[in-house]
Amino acid sequence: MLGIIDTPADGSRYLAVLGSGAYCGNEPLRVRPTRQLKDAIVTVGDYAVGEQAQAKNQTRLAVTGLLAQGAQRVRMLSSAAIDLAWLAHGRTDAAIIFGGKPWDIAAGVNLVREAGGAVVDAHGRRQKIGSASTVAAAPELLDQVLDVMPRP
């Protein structure tokens, strides 16, 4: 599996090949070893729009509120691909994406995993192409990020 993410705004190209690591240009990438949510910069995916947006956004708002109380910073970068690329690059510490299509997520999931990160869905199960959500972080931080996610 190969994943490539280009970020033209800063001229970066992120690349990950299954079993061969993750890179920004020629620089090998590793997720930051952040261990505590209070020290973490967490990105949150966009809010829903259109039909049923109000209901969908209740969960998003609740999660954002919990993160605002517990994390060092909460950011919305406007792109699931960038959320995951920056996590792999060590620019952020965790990413929560509430939806997303495979073409928005797949390359970034590979990038984070190859950079040593963990990627699951909101229930803590391995994230797959059809997953309804994506939660990614350094393995040591993942459980704390999952603790802010609602449980059915």
Protein backbone atom coordinates (compact mmCIF):
# COMPACT_ATOMS: atom_id res chain seq x y z
CA MET A 1 0.00 0.00 0.00
CA LEU A 2 1.27 3.42 -0.97
CA GLY A 3 0.03 6.74 0.37
CA ILE A 4 0.97 10.20 -0.89
CA ILE A 5 -0.25 13.55 0.43
CA ASP A 6 0.83 16.83 -1.16
CA THR A 7 0.40 20.08 0.74
CA PRO A 8 1.01 22.79 -1.87
CA ALA A 9 0.67 25.61 0.68
CA ASP A 10 3.97 24.63 2.30
CA GLY A 11 5.50 22.65 -0.57
CA SER A 12 5.54 19.35 1.32
CA ARG A 13 5.04 15.87 -0.09
CA TYR A 14 4.31 13.08 2.37
CA LEU A 15 4.89 9.49 1.32
CA ALA A 16 4.40 6.16 3.05
CA VAL A 17 4.87 2.67 1.70
CA LEU A 18 3.56 -0.24 3.76
CA GLY A 19 6.50 -1.71 5.67
CA SER A 20 8.97 0.94 4.46
CA GLY A 21 8.27 3.92 6.70
CA ALA A 22 6.87 7.40 6.27
CA TYR A 23 8.65 10.44 4.83
CA CYS A 24 8.28 14.13 4.14
CA GLY A 25 10.53 14.52 1.13
CA ASN A 26 13.60 12.53 2.23
CA GLU A 27 13.02 13.10 5.98
CA PRO A 28 11.84 10.01 7.90
CA LEU A 29 8.77 10.71 10.03
CA ARG A 30 7.84 9.60 13.56
CA VAL A 31 4.83 10.59 15.61
CA ARG A 32 5.71 12.58 18.72
CA PRO A 33 5.93 10.45 21.87
CA THR A 34 3.41 12.62 23.75
CA ARG A 35 2.05 10.63 26.70
CA GLN A 36 -0.48 12.98 28.31
CA LEU A 37 -3.55 14.63 26.77
CA LYS A 38 -2.75 17.81 28.72
CA ASP A 39 0.44 18.10 26.64
CA ALA A 40 -1.20 17.26 23.30
CA ILE A 41 -2.21 19.31 20.29
CA VAL A 42 -5.30 17.58 18.88
CA THR A 43 -6.88 18.23 15.50
CA VAL A 44 -10.60 17.76 15.01
CA GLY A 45 -12.28 17.22 11.65
CA ASP A 46 -14.79 19.61 10.15
CA TYR A 47 -18.31 19.97 11.48
CA ALA A 48 -21.19 18.51 9.51
CA VAL A 49 -23.30 20.59 7.14
CA GLY A 50 -26.58 19.87 5.36
CA GLU A 51 -29.22 17.36 6.41
CA GLN A 52 -28.97 16.14 10.00
CA ALA A 53 -26.01 18.47 10.65
CA GLN A 54 -27.47 19.66 13.95
CA ALA A 55 -27.71 16.11 15.32
CA LYS A 56 -24.28 15.11 14.01
CA ASN A 57 -22.68 18.25 15.40
CA GLN A 58 -23.93 17.58 18.94
CA THR A 59 -21.37 14.80 19.22
CA ARG A 60 -18.66 16.89 17.57
CA LEU A 61 -19.33 19.82 19.90
CA ALA A 62 -19.29 17.56 22.97
CA VAL A 63 -15.96 16.00 21.97
CA THR A 64 -14.47 19.41 21.18
CA GLY A 65 -15.63 20.68 24.59
CA LEU A 66 -14.00 17.77 26.41
CA LEU A 67 -10.79 18.25 24.44
CA ALA A 68 -10.79 21.98 25.22
CA GLN A 69 -10.86 21.09 28.92
CA GLY A 70 -8.15 18.44 28.76
CA ALA A 71 -5.80 19.00 25.82
CA GLN A 72 -3.09 21.63 25.48
CA ARG A 73 -4.63 22.87 22.20
CA VAL A 74 -7.45 21.92 19.81
CA ARG A 75 -7.11 22.77 16.13
CA MET A 76 -9.26 22.42 13.02
CA LEU A 77 -7.00 22.32 9.96
CA SER A 78 -9.82 21.78 7.41
CA SER A 79 -8.40 18.64 5.79
CA ALA A 80 -8.37 15.08 7.10
CA ALA A 81 -5.32 14.37 4.94
CA ILE A 82 -3.41 17.27 6.53
CA ASP A 83 -4.57 16.27 10.02
CA LEU A 84 -3.02 12.84 9.53
CA ALA A 85 0.09 14.07 7.69
CA TRP A 86 0.89 16.58 10.44
CA LEU A 87 0.38 13.92 13.10
CA ALA A 88 2.86 11.63 11.30
CA HIS A 89 5.26 14.59 10.95
CA GLY A 90 5.14 15.32 14.68
CA ARG A 91 3.48 18.71 14.25
CA THR A 92 0.42 17.57 16.21
CA ASP A 93 -0.22 14.74 18.65
CA ALA A 94 -3.65 13.33 17.80
CA ALA A 95 -6.37 13.57 15.16
CA ILE A 96 -10.10 12.92 15.41
CA ILE A 97 -12.00 12.71 12.14
CA PHE A 98 -15.74 12.16 12.52
CA GLY A 99 -16.47 11.10 8.97
CA GLY A 100 -14.41 11.21 5.84
CA LYS A 101 -14.31 9.35 2.59
CA PRO A 102 -11.62 6.78 1.78
CA TRP A 103 -9.89 9.21 -0.60
CA ASP A 104 -9.59 11.70 2.29
CA ILE A 105 -8.31 9.21 4.85
CA ALA A 106 -6.50 6.21 3.32
CA ALA A 107 -3.11 7.79 2.52
CA GLY A 108 -2.98 9.50 5.92
CA VAL A 109 -3.83 6.32 7.82
CA ASN A 110 -0.92 4.56 6.12
CA LEU A 111 1.34 7.55 6.83
CA VAL A 112 0.50 7.61 10.55
CA ARG A 113 0.90 3.86 10.97
CA GLU A 114 4.25 3.88 9.16
CA ALA A 115 5.35 6.79 11.40
CA GLY A 116 4.66 4.69 14.51
CA GLY A 117 1.17 5.93 15.32
CA ALA A 118 -2.00 4.03 16.14
CA VAL A 119 -5.15 4.49 14.06
CA VAL A 120 -8.54 3.17 15.18
CA ASP A 121 -12.21 4.09 14.90
CA ALA A 122 -14.15 5.82 17.71
CA HIS A 123 -14.79 2.42 19.35
CA GLY A 124 -11.09 1.56 19.49
CA ARG A 125 -11.26 -1.00 16.68
CA ARG A 126 -8.68 -0.98 13.88
CA GLN A 127 -9.66 1.72 11.37
CA LYS A 128 -10.69 0.33 8.00
CA ILE A 129 -11.73 1.89 4.70
CA GLY A 130 -15.43 1.72 5.70
CA SER A 131 -15.00 3.06 9.24
CA ALA A 132 -17.35 5.90 10.19
CA SER A 133 -14.64 7.70 12.19
CA THR A 134 -10.88 7.86 12.57
CA VAL A 135 -8.91 8.44 15.77
CA ALA A 136 -5.13 8.58 15.47
CA ALA A 137 -2.37 9.28 17.99
CA ALA A 138 0.88 8.05 19.44
CA PRO A 139 0.15 4.62 20.96
CA GLU A 140 0.81 5.94 24.49
CA LEU A 141 -1.77 8.73 24.03
CA LEU A 142 -4.49 6.84 22.18
CA ASP A 143 -6.54 5.65 25.18
CA GLN A 144 -6.75 9.18 26.58
CA VAL A 145 -8.02 10.48 23.24
CA LEU A 146 -10.54 7.65 23.00
CA ASP A 147 -11.80 8.56 26.49
CA VAL A 148 -13.32 11.78 25.12
CA MET A 149 -15.25 9.90 22.42
CA PRO A 150 -18.90 9.03 23.14
CA ARG A 151 -19.69 5.37 23.66
CA PRO A 152 -22.93 3.98 22.23
